[in-house]
Amino acid sequence: MDITAELANGHGYLGYAVFAVVLFSVVWAFVQKGKGAEYKDGTAKLAGLLLPLQLLYGIVVFVQGRYWEGSALIAIVHPLAMLGAVALAGISTARARKAEGDAASWAAIAKFQGIALVLVIIGIGAASAG
C-alpha cells in the first residue's frame, strides 16, 4: 500500500472527527449560554487541541503527497481555511477567558468557534471537490 494514500485517508477521517467536535463545542456553548451556566472551557479546549493536530497532520500529508502540484482548491483553499480555523479556535478560548461574566464567555466560544466551524466545512468541501 501507498503510505501517502493511507496518510491522506487518516487525515480525512480525522477531519470529520474535528468537524464533529467543533460542532459539539458550538452547540454546547449556545446551550450553556441559554441556561446561564458557569463557564468551563472543556469542549473549547478539546477543539483547540484537535484543530492544530489536524493542521500538523495535514502539513505532513501535504508535503508527503506533493499536493501543491494539484488543484487550487487543495493547494490553496483547504490549507488556508484550516489555518483560519486554528486561529479562530485559539482566539475563542482567549476571548472567553478575558470576557466579563459567564454569558459573555459562552458567547465568545459560540461566535469564534462558529466561524471556525464554517472554515472547517469550507476546508472539507475544498478537499472533497479537489
Protein backbone atom coordinates (compact mmCIF):
# COMPACT_ATOMS: atom_id res chain seq x y z
CA MET A 1 0.00 0.00 0.00
CA ASP A 2 1.00 3.56 -0.66
CA ILE A 3 1.79 5.33 2.60
CA THR A 4 0.72 8.70 1.18
CA ALA A 5 -2.77 7.40 0.38
CA GLU A 6 -3.05 5.93 3.88
CA LEU A 7 -1.97 9.24 5.44
CA ALA A 8 -4.48 11.12 3.32
CA ASN A 9 -7.28 8.75 4.35
CA GLY A 10 -6.42 9.17 8.02
CA HIS A 11 -6.33 12.94 7.58
CA GLY A 12 -9.77 12.83 6.00
CA TYR A 13 -11.29 10.75 8.78
CA LEU A 14 -9.70 12.95 11.44
CA GLY A 15 -11.15 15.96 9.61
CA TYR A 16 -14.67 14.63 10.11
CA ALA A 17 -13.92 13.99 13.80
CA VAL A 18 -12.64 17.57 14.16
CA PHE A 19 -15.83 18.80 12.47
CA ALA A 20 -17.95 16.84 14.96
CA VAL A 21 -16.00 18.15 17.98
CA VAL A 22 -16.16 21.79 16.84
CA LEU A 23 -19.87 21.42 16.05
CA PHE A 24 -20.47 19.97 19.51
CA SER A 25 -18.46 22.78 21.08
CA VAL A 26 -20.54 25.45 19.33
CA VAL A 27 -23.86 23.79 20.20
CA TRP A 28 -22.70 23.25 23.79
CA ALA A 29 -21.75 26.93 24.09
CA PHE A 30 -25.20 28.03 22.88
CA VAL A 31 -26.96 25.64 25.27
CA GLN A 32 -24.83 26.66 28.25
CA LYS A 33 -25.27 30.35 27.50
CA GLY A 34 -29.02 29.84 27.33
CA LYS A 35 -29.00 28.07 30.70
CA GLY A 36 -26.83 30.74 32.26
CA ALA A 37 -24.28 28.10 33.28
CA GLU A 38 -20.87 28.79 34.74
CA TYR A 39 -18.16 28.96 32.08
CA LYS A 40 -15.86 25.96 31.79
CA ASP A 41 -13.72 25.61 28.69
CA GLY A 42 -13.61 21.80 28.36
CA THR A 43 -15.15 21.43 24.91
CA ALA A 44 -13.41 24.56 23.67
CA LYS A 45 -10.06 23.17 24.84
CA LEU A 46 -10.72 19.89 23.04
CA ALA A 47 -11.50 21.71 19.80
CA GLY A 48 -8.47 23.93 20.37
CA LEU A 49 -6.32 20.81 20.73
CA LEU A 50 -7.67 18.81 17.80
CA LEU A 51 -7.57 21.62 15.24
CA PRO A 52 -3.79 22.23 15.49
CA LEU A 53 -3.15 18.47 15.48
CA GLN A 54 -5.23 18.16 12.33
CA LEU A 55 -3.29 21.06 10.82
CA LEU A 56 0.08 19.42 11.59
CA TYR A 57 -1.15 16.10 10.22
CA GLY A 58 -2.35 17.95 7.11
CA ILE A 59 1.06 19.58 6.62
CA VAL A 60 2.70 16.15 6.66
CA VAL A 61 0.18 14.83 4.12
CA PHE A 62 0.54 17.98 2.00
CA VAL A 63 4.34 17.70 1.80
CA GLN A 64 4.45 13.91 1.50
CA GLY A 65 1.83 13.84 -1.26
CA ARG A 66 3.09 16.89 -3.15
CA TYR A 67 -0.43 18.33 -3.16
CA TRP A 68 0.80 21.81 -4.07
CA GLU A 69 1.03 20.48 -7.62
CA GLY A 70 -2.69 19.65 -7.63
CA SER A 71 -5.80 21.76 -7.93
CA ALA A 72 -6.04 25.21 -6.38
CA LEU A 73 -8.78 24.02 -4.02
CA ILE A 74 -6.45 21.55 -2.34
CA ALA A 75 -3.27 23.58 -2.74
CA ILE A 76 -4.61 26.94 -1.51
CA VAL A 77 -8.18 26.98 -0.19
CA HIS A 78 -8.00 23.89 2.03
CA PRO A 79 -4.83 24.85 3.96
CA LEU A 80 -5.87 28.50 4.35
CA ALA A 81 -9.31 27.53 5.64
CA MET A 82 -7.74 25.24 8.21
CA LEU A 83 -5.19 27.87 9.28
CA GLY A 84 -8.05 30.28 9.84
CA ALA A 85 -9.99 27.69 11.84
CA VAL A 86 -6.98 27.04 14.09
CA ALA A 87 -6.50 30.77 14.66
CA LEU A 88 -10.17 31.30 15.49
CA ALA A 89 -10.19 28.36 17.92
CA GLY A 90 -7.29 29.94 19.78
CA ILE A 91 -8.94 33.35 19.74
CA SER A 92 -12.17 31.86 21.07
CA THR A 93 -10.59 30.47 24.22
CA ALA A 94 -8.54 33.63 24.81
CA ARG A 95 -11.59 35.88 24.44
CA ALA A 96 -13.68 33.59 26.63
CA ARG A 97 -11.12 33.76 29.45
CA LYS A 98 -10.96 37.56 29.25
CA ALA A 99 -14.72 38.06 29.00
CA GLU A 100 -16.63 39.64 31.85
CA GLY A 101 -19.21 37.10 33.02
CA ASP A 102 -20.16 33.58 32.05
CA ALA A 103 -22.65 34.57 29.35
CA ALA A 104 -20.03 36.64 27.56
CA SER A 105 -17.56 33.76 27.76
CA TRP A 106 -20.04 31.30 26.25
CA ALA A 107 -20.91 33.87 23.58
CA ALA A 108 -17.24 34.24 22.63
CA ILE A 109 -16.89 30.47 22.26
CA ALA A 110 -20.07 30.24 20.20
CA LYS A 111 -19.11 33.14 17.94
CA PHE A 112 -15.48 32.36 17.18
CA GLN A 113 -15.80 28.59 17.09
CA GLY A 114 -18.91 29.01 14.96
CA ILE A 115 -16.83 30.88 12.38
CA ALA A 116 -14.11 28.22 12.76
CA LEU A 117 -16.77 25.59 12.06
CA VAL A 118 -17.67 27.34 8.81
CA LEU A 119 -13.99 27.33 7.84
CA VAL A 120 -13.73 23.62 8.66
CA ILE A 121 -16.73 22.97 6.40
CA ILE A 122 -15.08 25.02 3.64
CA GLY A 123 -11.85 23.06 4.11
CA ILE A 124 -13.63 19.71 3.95
CA GLY A 125 -15.59 20.83 0.90
CA ALA A 126 -12.45 22.06 -0.87
CA ALA A 127 -10.65 18.77 -0.17
CA SER A 128 -13.64 16.74 -1.33
CA ALA A 129 -14.15 18.75 -4.53
CA GLY A 130 -10.45 18.98 -5.37
